[in-house]
Amino acid sequence: MLDGLIRRRLDPVLDRLGRALAARGIGADVVTIAGLALAIAAAIAIAAGAPAAALVLMLASRLADGLDGAVARATVRTDFGGLLDIVCDFVFYAAIPLGFALNDPAGNAVAAAVLLTAFYVNGASFLGFAVMAAKRGLETTARGPKSLYFTTGLAEGSETIATFAAMLLAPAWFPPLAYGFAALCLATTLARMALAWRLFR
């Protein structure tokens, strides 16, 4: 929901940083993998009971996630880079709730499972929609240049990062935040399926 607004403000800064990295010979895929490593480190920190460190690592991983596209725009965009980016994004979405579940299985495991299920369903609708859109030659730049067709929704990247940050700032609130965000993900899925029904039937 907020990604379009935030991208318009952040992209000029990210593009400058991306050009600087590209000028130093750092490729987009390297930045993507660095972001993945930081996300996994954040999940490990959550599991170890270090939410402050996890917050720093998570925010650094999302900075890398924004920079890889900027580096690609400054050099060359590839289909493999687009695939790598989306796979690493989904690993990030799974790793943070998993870290909370591992940290406190009795208190967090069910909420984490519900959130992961919502992510799974939402991800299936997102990727399925992108495949059908590509099949029909549909394109959009509403979220900037992307390798896949991105649909809007209540639960996008910005909302996910904000929710994860809130969980790390108040770990005891993980269950209600997880249930609430799972509901937003499912609402996004239903809205996307309604859009698909209008476009693809």
Protein backbone atom coordinates (compact mmCIF):
# COMPACT_ATOMS: atom_id res chain seq x y z
CA MET A 1 0.00 0.00 0.00
CA LEU A 2 2.85 2.39 0.86
CA ASP A 3 5.51 1.02 -1.49
CA GLY A 4 4.73 3.39 -4.35
CA LEU A 5 4.97 6.50 -2.17
CA ILE A 6 8.12 5.34 -0.40
CA ARG A 7 9.82 4.29 -3.65
CA ARG A 8 9.31 7.73 -5.15
CA ARG A 9 11.19 9.22 -2.21
CA LEU A 10 13.89 6.57 -1.84
CA ASP A 11 14.71 5.68 -5.44
CA PRO A 12 16.75 8.83 -6.23
CA VAL A 13 18.97 8.16 -3.18
CA LEU A 14 19.24 4.43 -3.91
CA ASP A 15 20.06 5.13 -7.55
CA ARG A 16 22.98 7.35 -6.54
CA LEU A 17 24.30 4.68 -4.17
CA GLY A 18 23.71 2.00 -6.80
CA ARG A 19 25.73 3.89 -9.38
CA ALA A 20 28.56 4.31 -6.85
CA LEU A 21 28.59 0.55 -6.12
CA ALA A 22 28.45 -0.30 -9.82
CA ALA A 23 31.38 2.04 -10.48
CA ARG A 24 33.39 0.00 -7.97
CA GLY A 25 32.60 -3.22 -9.81
CA ILE A 26 30.05 -4.55 -7.31
CA GLY A 27 27.32 -6.46 -9.12
CA ALA A 28 23.63 -6.55 -8.30
CA ASP A 29 23.64 -10.28 -7.51
CA VAL A 30 26.40 -9.77 -4.94
CA VAL A 31 24.28 -7.11 -3.21
CA THR A 32 21.27 -9.45 -3.27
CA ILE A 33 23.25 -12.27 -1.64
CA ALA A 34 24.61 -9.84 0.97
CA GLY A 35 21.04 -8.86 1.78
CA LEU A 36 20.10 -12.52 2.16
CA ALA A 37 23.03 -13.15 4.51
CA LEU A 38 22.01 -10.16 6.63
CA ALA A 39 18.39 -11.39 6.78
CA ILE A 40 19.50 -14.84 7.95
CA ALA A 41 21.79 -13.22 10.51
CA ALA A 42 18.81 -11.19 11.76
CA ALA A 43 16.76 -14.36 12.18
CA ILE A 44 19.61 -15.99 14.10
CA ALA A 45 19.82 -12.93 16.35
CA ILE A 46 16.07 -13.15 17.02
CA ALA A 47 16.36 -16.83 17.91
CA ALA A 48 19.26 -15.99 20.23
CA GLY A 49 17.22 -13.34 22.03
CA ALA A 50 18.98 -10.26 20.64
CA PRO A 51 16.16 -8.19 19.08
CA ALA A 52 18.14 -4.93 18.94
CA ALA A 53 20.92 -6.54 16.91
CA ALA A 54 18.29 -8.27 14.78
CA LEU A 55 16.62 -4.92 14.02
CA VAL A 56 19.90 -3.42 12.78
CA LEU A 57 20.65 -6.52 10.68
CA MET A 58 17.11 -6.60 9.26
CA LEU A 59 17.19 -2.93 8.24
CA ALA A 60 20.61 -3.44 6.64
CA SER A 61 19.23 -6.42 4.70
CA ARG A 62 16.35 -4.31 3.38
CA LEU A 63 18.76 -1.56 2.37
CA ALA A 64 20.64 -4.17 0.35
CA ASP A 65 17.33 -5.32 -1.13
CA GLY A 66 16.71 -1.80 -2.39
CA LEU A 67 20.27 -1.32 -3.59
CA ASP A 68 20.45 -4.44 -5.74
CA GLY A 69 17.83 -3.06 -8.09
CA ALA A 70 19.63 0.29 -8.21
CA VAL A 71 22.90 -1.45 -9.11
CA ALA A 72 21.09 -3.44 -11.79
CA ARG A 73 19.62 -0.26 -13.26
CA ALA A 74 23.10 1.24 -13.35
CA THR A 75 24.57 -1.81 -15.13
CA VAL A 76 22.38 -4.48 -16.67
CA ARG A 77 19.14 -6.11 -15.52
CA THR A 78 18.92 -9.88 -15.95
CA ASP A 79 16.10 -12.38 -15.54
CA PHE A 80 18.29 -14.41 -13.18
CA GLY A 81 18.84 -11.33 -11.03
CA GLY A 82 15.09 -10.79 -10.84
CA LEU A 83 14.53 -14.42 -9.86
CA LEU A 84 17.31 -14.33 -7.26
CA ASP A 85 15.85 -11.16 -5.76
CA ILE A 86 12.36 -12.55 -5.32
CA VAL A 87 13.61 -15.87 -3.89
CA CYS A 88 15.78 -14.02 -1.36
CA ASP A 89 12.82 -11.79 -0.47
CA PHE A 90 10.71 -14.84 0.33
CA VAL A 91 13.53 -16.30 2.44
CA PHE A 92 13.55 -13.03 4.39
CA TYR A 93 9.77 -13.14 4.90
CA ALA A 94 10.06 -16.68 6.28
CA ALA A 95 13.23 -16.23 8.35
CA ILE A 96 12.01 -13.48 10.67
CA PRO A 97 8.88 -15.31 11.95
CA LEU A 98 10.93 -18.51 12.19
CA GLY A 99 13.42 -16.70 14.40
CA PHE A 100 10.61 -15.71 16.78
CA ALA A 101 9.27 -19.27 16.83
CA LEU A 102 12.71 -20.66 17.67
CA ASN A 103 13.24 -18.06 20.38
CA ASP A 104 10.01 -18.92 22.22
CA PRO A 105 8.28 -22.00 20.80
CA ALA A 106 5.59 -22.09 23.48
CA GLY A 107 4.62 -18.45 23.09
CA ASN A 108 5.31 -17.77 19.42
CA ALA A 109 5.18 -20.97 17.37
CA VAL A 110 1.45 -20.94 16.59
CA ALA A 111 1.41 -17.25 15.68
CA ALA A 112 4.51 -17.74 13.51
CA ALA A 113 2.86 -20.70 11.76
CA VAL A 114 -0.26 -18.64 11.04
CA LEU A 115 1.83 -15.77 9.67
CA LEU A 116 3.95 -18.10 7.54
CA THR A 117 0.79 -19.70 6.16
CA ALA A 118 -0.55 -16.27 5.23
CA PHE A 119 2.78 -15.41 3.57
CA TYR A 120 2.65 -18.69 1.66
CA VAL A 121 -0.87 -18.08 0.37
CA ASN A 122 -0.16 -14.44 -0.43
CA GLY A 123 3.07 -15.40 -2.19
CA ALA A 124 1.29 -18.01 -4.28
CA SER A 125 -1.27 -15.45 -5.44
CA PHE A 126 1.45 -12.86 -6.10
CA LEU A 127 3.62 -15.18 -8.20
CA GLY A 128 0.64 -16.78 -9.95
CA PHE A 129 -0.70 -13.37 -10.90
CA ALA A 130 2.73 -12.36 -12.22
CA VAL A 131 2.90 -15.49 -14.40
CA MET A 132 -0.55 -14.88 -15.88
CA ALA A 133 0.20 -11.19 -16.41
CA ALA A 134 3.42 -12.06 -18.26
CA LYS A 135 1.52 -14.59 -20.37
CA ARG A 136 -0.84 -11.82 -21.46
CA GLY A 137 1.94 -9.26 -21.96
CA LEU A 138 0.75 -7.03 -19.11
CA GLU A 139 3.28 -4.66 -17.54
CA THR A 140 3.30 -2.04 -14.82
CA THR A 141 5.85 0.39 -13.41
CA ALA A 142 3.73 1.44 -10.44
CA ARG A 143 6.41 -0.02 -8.14
CA GLY A 144 9.31 0.99 -10.36
CA PRO A 145 10.95 -1.22 -12.99
CA LYS A 146 10.56 -4.84 -11.87
CA SER A 147 11.25 -8.27 -13.31
CA LEU A 148 7.73 -9.38 -12.35
CA TYR A 149 4.28 -7.81 -12.51
CA PHE A 150 3.69 -6.29 -9.06
CA THR A 151 0.14 -5.84 -7.84
CA THR A 152 -0.71 -3.41 -5.05
CA GLY A 153 -2.17 -4.52 -1.74
CA LEU A 154 -2.63 -3.77 1.96
CA ALA A 155 0.43 -5.89 2.82
CA GLU A 156 3.45 -4.96 0.72
CA GLY A 157 7.15 -4.72 1.45
CA SER A 158 6.97 -1.46 3.41
CA GLU A 159 4.21 -2.75 5.67
CA THR A 160 6.08 -6.01 6.21
CA ILE A 161 9.28 -4.22 7.24
CA ALA A 162 7.35 -1.90 9.56
CA THR A 163 5.56 -4.85 11.18
CA PHE A 164 8.79 -6.81 11.62
CA ALA A 165 10.41 -3.72 13.14
CA ALA A 166 7.52 -3.36 15.59
CA MET A 167 7.91 -7.02 16.54
CA LEU A 168 11.60 -6.49 17.23
CA LEU A 169 10.98 -3.33 19.24
CA ALA A 170 8.30 -5.09 21.31
CA PRO A 171 8.99 -8.87 21.14
CA ALA A 172 6.24 -9.67 23.64
CA TRP A 173 3.74 -8.33 21.11
CA PHE A 174 4.82 -10.79 18.42
CA PRO A 175 1.66 -13.00 18.57
CA PRO A 176 -0.96 -10.23 18.15
CA LEU A 177 1.16 -8.46 15.53
CA ALA A 178 1.61 -11.73 13.66
CA TYR A 179 -2.12 -12.50 13.68
CA GLY A 180 -2.98 -8.97 12.59
CA PHE A 181 -0.50 -8.96 9.74
CA ALA A 182 -1.62 -12.42 8.66
CA ALA A 183 -5.13 -11.02 8.31
CA LEU A 184 -3.80 -8.16 6.14
CA CYS A 185 -1.94 -10.67 3.96
CA LEU A 186 -5.08 -12.72 3.45
CA ALA A 187 -7.08 -9.57 2.64
CA THR A 188 -4.43 -8.69 0.06
CA THR A 189 -4.73 -12.19 -1.41
CA LEU A 190 -8.51 -11.89 -1.72
CA ALA A 191 -8.20 -8.48 -3.39
CA ARG A 192 -5.61 -9.84 -5.82
CA MET A 193 -7.81 -12.82 -6.67
CA ALA A 194 -10.73 -10.46 -7.30
CA LEU A 195 -8.52 -8.47 -9.67
CA ALA A 196 -7.40 -11.67 -11.37
CA TRP A 197 -11.03 -12.75 -11.80
CA ARG A 198 -11.75 -9.50 -13.64
CA LEU A 199 -8.64 -9.61 -15.81
CA PHE A 200 -8.05 -13.28 -16.57
CA ARG A 201 -11.41 -15.03 -16.74
